[in-house]
C-alpha atoms as a PDB file:
ATOM      1  CA  MET A   1       8.240 -13.381  52.212  1.00  0.00           C
ATOM      2  CA  ASN A   2      11.499 -13.153  50.183  1.00  0.00           C
ATOM      3  CA  LYS A   3      10.792 -16.532  48.546  1.00  0.00           C
ATOM      4  CA  ARG A   4       7.383 -15.290  47.366  1.00  0.00           C
ATOM      5  CA  LEU A   5       8.919 -12.134  45.988  1.00  0.00           C
ATOM      6  CA  VAL A   6      11.622 -14.066  44.113  1.00  0.00           C
ATOM      7  CA  LEU A   7       9.025 -16.535  42.772  1.00  0.00           C
ATOM      8  CA  ALA A   8       6.766 -13.670  41.618  1.00  0.00           C
ATOM      9  CA  ALA A   9       9.696 -12.005  39.850  1.00  0.00           C
ATOM     10  CA  ILE A  10      10.610 -15.268  38.091  1.00  0.00           C
ATOM     11  CA  VAL A  11       7.001 -15.771  36.953  1.00  0.00           C
ATOM     12  CA  ILE A  12       6.817 -12.200  35.628  1.00  0.00           C
ATOM     13  CA  VAL A  13      10.064 -12.634  33.682  1.00  0.00           C
ATOM     14  CA  LEU A  14       8.894 -15.958  32.218  1.00  0.00           C
ATOM     15  CA  VAL A  15       5.529 -14.486  31.170  1.00  0.00           C
ATOM     16  CA  ALA A  16       7.327 -11.539  29.529  1.00  0.00           C
ATOM     17  CA  ILE A  17       9.644 -13.905  27.622  1.00  0.00           C
ATOM     18  CA  ILE A  18       6.697 -16.020  26.452  1.00  0.00           C
ATOM     19  CA  LEU A  19       4.733 -12.936  25.311  1.00  0.00           C
ATOM     20  CA  CYS A  20       7.734 -11.497  23.438  1.00  0.00           C
ATOM     21  CA  SER A  21       8.323 -14.856  21.745  1.00  0.00           C
ATOM     22  CA  LEU A  22       4.662 -15.091  20.744  1.00  0.00           C
ATOM     23  CA  VAL A  23       4.642 -11.567  19.275  1.00  0.00           C
ATOM     24  CA  TYR A  24       7.861 -12.282  17.346  1.00  0.00           C
ATOM     25  CA  PHE A  25       6.453 -15.559  15.992  1.00  0.00           C
ATOM     26  CA  LEU A  26       3.181 -13.960  14.894  1.00  0.00           C
ATOM     27  CA  GLN A  27       4.952 -11.071  13.169  1.00  0.00           C
ATOM     28  CA  SER A  28       7.485 -13.289  11.430  1.00  0.00           C
ATOM     29  CA  SER A  29       4.855 -15.770  10.213  1.00  0.00           C
ATOM     30  CA  VAL A  30       2.968 -13.086   8.233  1.00  0.00           C
ATOM     31  CA  PRO A  31       5.004 -12.071   5.184  1.00  0.00           C
ATOM     32  CA  THR A  32       5.161  -8.349   4.517  1.00  0.00           C
ATOM     33  CA  PRO A  33       7.028  -7.025   1.499  1.00  0.00           C
ATOM     34  CA  GLN A  34      10.031  -4.807   2.049  1.00  0.00           C
ATOM     35  CA  PRO A  35       9.493  -1.063   1.572  1.00  0.00           C
ATOM     36  CA  LYS A  36      10.332   0.232  -1.912  1.00  0.00           C
ATOM     37  CA  GLY A  37      11.777   3.489  -3.087  1.00  0.00           C
ATOM     38  CA  GLU A  38      14.593   5.404  -4.699  1.00  0.00           C
ATOM     39  CA  GLU A  39      13.611   4.557  -8.270  1.00  0.00           C
ATOM     40  CA  TYR A  40      11.774   6.101 -11.206  1.00  0.00           C
ATOM     41  CA  LEU A  41       8.333   4.647 -11.822  1.00  0.00           C
ATOM     42  CA  ARG A  42       7.472   3.190 -15.216  1.00  0.00           C
ATOM     43  CA  PHE A  43       4.182   3.338 -17.066  1.00  0.00           C
ATOM     44  CA  ALA A  44       1.947   0.346 -16.340  1.00  0.00           C
ATOM     45  CA  GLY A  45       2.141  -2.738 -18.572  1.00  0.00           C
ATOM     46  CA  ASP A  46       2.233  -2.043 -22.285  1.00  0.00           C
ATOM     47  CA  TYR A  47       1.192   1.610 -21.945  1.00  0.00           C
ATOM     48  CA  GLN A  48       3.887   3.674 -23.694  1.00  0.00           C
ATOM     49  CA  GLY A  49       5.961   0.494 -23.795  1.00  0.00           C
ATOM     50  CA  GLY A  50       6.366   0.608 -20.013  1.00  0.00           C
ATOM     51  CA  VAL A  51       8.987   3.338 -20.335  1.00  0.00           C
ATOM     52  CA  GLU A  52      10.425   5.108 -17.337  1.00  0.00           C
ATOM     53  CA  THR A  53       8.643   8.302 -16.291  1.00  0.00           C
ATOM     54  CA  LYS A  54       9.831  11.437 -14.502  1.00  0.00           C
ATOM     55  CA  VAL A  55       7.975  10.328 -11.378  1.00  0.00           C
ATOM     56  CA  TYR A  56      10.546   9.435  -8.739  1.00  0.00           C
ATOM     57  CA  LEU A  57       9.425   7.054  -6.005  1.00  0.00           C
ATOM     58  CA  VAL A  58      11.005   8.422  -2.839  1.00  0.00           C
ATOM     59  CA  ASP A  59       9.581   5.676  -0.631  1.00  0.00           C
ATOM     60  CA  SER A  60       6.614   3.353  -0.152  1.00  0.00           C
ATOM     61  CA  MET A  61       5.385   0.865   2.400  1.00  0.00           C
ATOM     62  CA  LEU A  62       2.709  -1.823   2.484  1.00  0.00           C
ATOM     63  CA  PHE A  63       0.652  -2.616   5.562  1.00  0.00           C
ATOM     64  CA  TYR A  64      -2.720  -4.091   6.501  1.00  0.00           C
ATOM     65  CA  GLY A  65      -5.683  -2.027   7.653  1.00  0.00           C
ATOM     66  CA  VAL A  66      -9.379  -1.283   7.175  1.00  0.00           C
ATOM     67  CA  TYR A  67     -11.399   1.148   5.092  1.00  0.00           C
ATOM     68  CA  ASN A  68     -12.463   4.289   6.975  1.00  0.00           C
ATOM     69  CA  GLU A  69     -15.569   4.864   4.870  1.00  0.00           C
ATOM     70  CA  SER A  70     -18.059   3.101   2.619  1.00  0.00           C
ATOM     71  CA  PHE A  71     -18.081   3.849  -1.131  1.00  0.00           C
ATOM     72  CA  SER A  72     -18.704   2.347  -4.582  1.00  0.00           C
ATOM     73  CA  ARG A  73     -16.713   2.633  -7.803  1.00  0.00           C
ATOM     74  CA  SER A  74     -17.401   1.595 -11.387  1.00  0.00           C
ATOM     75  CA  GLY A  75     -14.964   1.296 -14.255  1.00  0.00           C
ATOM     76  CA  ALA A  76     -13.859  -0.841 -17.181  1.00  0.00           C
ATOM     77  CA  THR A  77     -13.285  -3.857 -14.907  1.00  0.00           C
ATOM     78  CA  GLY A  78     -16.706  -3.722 -13.217  1.00  0.00           C
ATOM     79  CA  SER A  79     -18.553  -2.220 -10.256  1.00  0.00           C
ATOM     80  CA  TYR A  80     -17.301  -2.603  -6.693  1.00  0.00           C
ATOM     81  CA  SER A  81     -18.444  -1.654  -3.200  1.00  0.00           C
ATOM     82  CA  VAL A  82     -16.530  -1.214   0.025  1.00  0.00           C
ATOM     83  CA  ASN A  83     -17.982  -0.980   3.505  1.00  0.00           C
ATOM     84  CA  LYS A  84     -16.457   0.962   6.370  1.00  0.00           C
ATOM     85  CA  GLY A  85     -14.373  -1.525   8.375  1.00  0.00           C
ATOM     86  CA  ASP A  86     -13.660  -3.903   5.469  1.00  0.00           C
ATOM     87  CA  SER A  87     -10.113  -5.282   5.583  1.00  0.00           C
ATOM     88  CA  CYS A  88      -7.664  -3.976   3.027  1.00  0.00           C
ATOM     89  CA  VAL A  89      -4.046  -3.782   1.973  1.00  0.00           C
ATOM     90  CA  ILE A  90      -2.669  -0.241   2.077  1.00  0.00           C
ATOM     91  CA  ILE A  91       0.345   1.003   0.177  1.00  0.00           C
ATOM     92  CA  ASN A  92       1.374   4.539   0.916  1.00  0.00           C
ATOM     93  CA  GLY A  93       4.312   6.458  -0.368  1.00  0.00           C
ATOM     94  CA  THR A  94       5.962   9.630  -1.505  1.00  0.00           C
ATOM     95  CA  ILE A  95       6.670  10.582  -5.110  1.00  0.00           C
ATOM     96  CA  LYS A  96       8.588  13.487  -6.626  1.00  0.00           C
ATOM     97  CA  ASN A  97       7.354  15.222  -9.768  1.00  0.00           C
ATOM     98  CA  GLU A  98      10.394  15.830 -11.998  1.00  0.00           C
ATOM     99  CA  TYR A  99       8.274  17.046 -14.936  1.00  0.00           C
ATOM    100  CA  ASP A 100       8.194  20.740 -15.916  1.00  0.00           C
ATOM    101  CA  ASN A 101       4.534  21.200 -14.883  1.00  0.00           C
ATOM    102  CA  ASP A 102       2.257  20.563 -11.914  1.00  0.00           C
ATOM    103  CA  TYR A 103       0.428  17.305 -12.582  1.00  0.00           C
ATOM    104  CA  TYR A 104      -2.110  14.790 -11.421  1.00  0.00           C
ATOM    105  CA  PHE A 105      -0.675  11.278 -11.460  1.00  0.00           C
ATOM    106  CA  GLY A 106      -2.564   7.992 -11.541  1.00  0.00           C
ATOM    107  CA  ILE A 107      -0.551   5.599  -9.383  1.00  0.00           C
ATOM    108  CA  SER A 108      -1.269   1.890  -9.801  1.00  0.00           C
ATOM    109  CA  ALA A 109       0.172  -1.327  -8.366  1.00  0.00           C
ATOM    110  CA  ASP A 110       0.517  -5.001  -9.089  1.00  0.00           C
ATOM    111  CA  VAL A 111       0.127  -6.798  -5.757  1.00  0.00           C
ATOM    112  CA  TYR A 112       0.730 -10.521  -5.275  1.00  0.00           C
ATOM    113  CA  ASN A 113      -0.068 -12.879  -2.406  1.00  0.00           C
ATOM    114  CA  SER A 114       2.212 -15.696  -1.259  1.00  0.00           C
ATOM    115  CA  ALA A 115       0.543 -18.075  -3.757  1.00  0.00           C
ATOM    116  CA  GLY A 116       1.547 -15.752  -6.630  1.00  0.00           C
ATOM    117  CA  GLU A 117      -2.035 -14.615  -7.279  1.00  0.00           C
ATOM    118  CA  THR A 118      -2.734 -11.006  -8.244  1.00  0.00           C
ATOM    119  CA  ILE A 119      -4.755  -9.074  -5.660  1.00  0.00           C
ATOM    120  CA  GLU A 120      -7.081  -6.544  -7.280  1.00  0.00           C
ATOM    121  CA  PRO A 121      -8.701  -4.168  -7.990  1.00  0.00           C
ATOM    122  CA  ILE A 122      -7.375  -1.026  -6.343  1.00  0.00           C
ATOM    123  CA  LEU A 123     -10.343   0.626  -4.628  1.00  0.00           C
ATOM    124  CA  THR A 124      -9.325   3.935  -3.114  1.00  0.00           C
ATOM    125  CA  ALA A 125     -11.797   6.548  -1.892  1.00  0.00           C
ATOM    126  CA  ASP A 126      -9.788   9.384  -3.508  1.00  0.00           C
ATOM    127  CA  SER A 127      -9.923   7.840  -6.993  1.00  0.00           C
ATOM    128  CA  PRO A 128     -12.864   8.269  -9.381  1.00  0.00           C
ATOM    129  CA  GLN A 129     -12.417   4.722 -10.791  1.00  0.00           C
ATOM    130  CA  PRO A 130     -11.065   1.336  -9.723  1.00  0.00           C
ATOM    131  CA  GLY A 131      -7.492   0.500 -10.663  1.00  0.00           C
ATOM    132  CA  PHE A 132      -5.473   3.512  -9.489  1.00  0.00           C
ATOM    133  CA  THR A 133      -5.210   6.305  -6.954  1.00  0.00           C
ATOM    134  CA  VAL A 134      -4.677   9.970  -7.756  1.00  0.00           C
ATOM    135  CA  ALA A 135      -1.906  12.223  -6.453  1.00  0.00           C
ATOM    136  CA  PHE A 136      -1.421  15.886  -7.368  1.00  0.00           C
ATOM    137  CA  VAL A 137       2.193  17.053  -7.165  1.00  0.00           C
ATOM    138  CA  ASP A 138       3.644  20.458  -8.046  1.00  0.00           C
ATOM    139  CA  LYS A 139       6.654  20.468 -10.386  1.00  0.00           C
ATOM    140  CA  GLY A 140       9.863  19.739  -8.520  1.00  0.00           C
ATOM    141  CA  ALA A 141       7.934  18.925  -5.333  1.00  0.00           C
ATOM    142  CA  THR A 142       7.049  15.750  -3.493  1.00  0.00           C
ATOM    143  CA  GLY A 143       3.562  14.451  -2.828  1.00  0.00           C
ATOM    144  CA  TYR A 144       1.864  11.621  -0.992  1.00  0.00           C
ATOM    145  CA  PHE A 145      -0.271   8.768  -2.358  1.00  0.00           C
ATOM    146  CA  GLU A 146      -2.264   5.971  -0.779  1.00  0.00           C
ATOM    147  CA  ILE A 147      -3.497   2.840  -2.537  1.00  0.00           C
ATOM    148  CA  GLN A 148      -6.111   0.577  -0.951  1.00  0.00           C
ATOM    149  CA  ILE A 149      -7.074  -2.904  -2.112  1.00  0.00           C
ATOM    150  CA  LYS A 150      -9.927  -4.823  -0.512  1.00  0.00           C
ATOM    151  CA  TYR A 151      -8.344  -8.006   0.862  1.00  0.00           C
ATOM    152  CA  ALA A 152      -9.105  -9.920   4.053  1.00  0.00           C
ATOM    153  CA  ALA A 153      -5.950 -12.076   4.301  1.00  0.00           C
ATOM    154  CA  LYS A 154      -2.438 -11.076   5.323  1.00  0.00           C
ATOM    155  CA  GLY A 155      -0.293 -13.026   2.876  1.00  0.00           C
ATOM    156  CA  ILE A 156       1.020 -10.307   0.554  1.00  0.00           C
ATOM    157  CA  ALA A 157       4.401 -11.331  -0.846  1.00  0.00           C
ATOM    158  CA  SER A 158       5.294  -8.473  -3.204  1.00  0.00           C
ATOM    159  CA  TYR A 159       4.126  -5.357  -4.997  1.00  0.00           C
ATOM    160  CA  ASP A 160       5.248  -3.139  -7.871  1.00  0.00           C
ATOM    161  CA  LEU A 161       4.171   0.463  -8.417  1.00  0.00           C
ATOM    162  CA  PHE A 162       3.461   2.146 -11.752  1.00  0.00           C
ATOM    163  CA  VAL A 163       2.167   5.335 -13.325  1.00  0.00           C
ATOM    164  CA  ALA A 164      -1.198   4.333 -14.790  1.00  0.00           C
ATOM    165  CA  PHE A 165      -1.473   6.940 -17.586  1.00  0.00           C
ATOM    166  CA  GLU A 166       0.022  10.184 -18.906  1.00  0.00           C
ATOM    167  CA  PRO A 167       0.355  12.917 -16.278  1.00  0.00           C
ATOM    168  CA  SER A 168      -2.456  15.452 -16.571  1.00  0.00           C
ATOM    169  CA  GLU A 169      -3.036  19.058 -15.560  1.00  0.00           C
ATOM    170  CA  THR A 170      -6.668  18.175 -14.838  1.00  0.00           C
ATOM    171  CA  PRO A 171      -7.826  15.446 -12.458  1.00  0.00           C
ATOM    172  CA  PRO A 172      -9.073  12.180 -13.998  1.00  0.00           C
ATOM    173  CA  SER A 173     -12.830  11.614 -13.989  1.00  0.00           C
END
């Protein structure tokens, strides 16, 4: 009886070690960019010369998920559709509005996979167009944003966040 109990305990410990090793291997084999924060965001690309804004990125984090609803968006880059359950990359974060007014901000991102390819476009349910998400933040306050990009793989290597256009007192359309 004691031999069976000792053998069962050894088997349980070995199975636990194997499962922990497998989980560690799977997590370490999928690159995930480090969280970003504690910096002022710049305008995207050549807009306003890419100068620094008064939007302070408190923190941000990238993870993989799925869309919670179906929707379509059209814009300058084309028309796109998303179905509930489609895989996506999600970047969420907190920004602080250091301007003197309450504003809507268009937050955009450049996202790259491990092959160096750009993953796009941003397709977020809260945004009226592809390419950015919208966050309203009172002056001196912090607010939350979430960017979603339709993408079925898990090989994101890096991302950079930007303010897409001038802050506005009215929401973009």
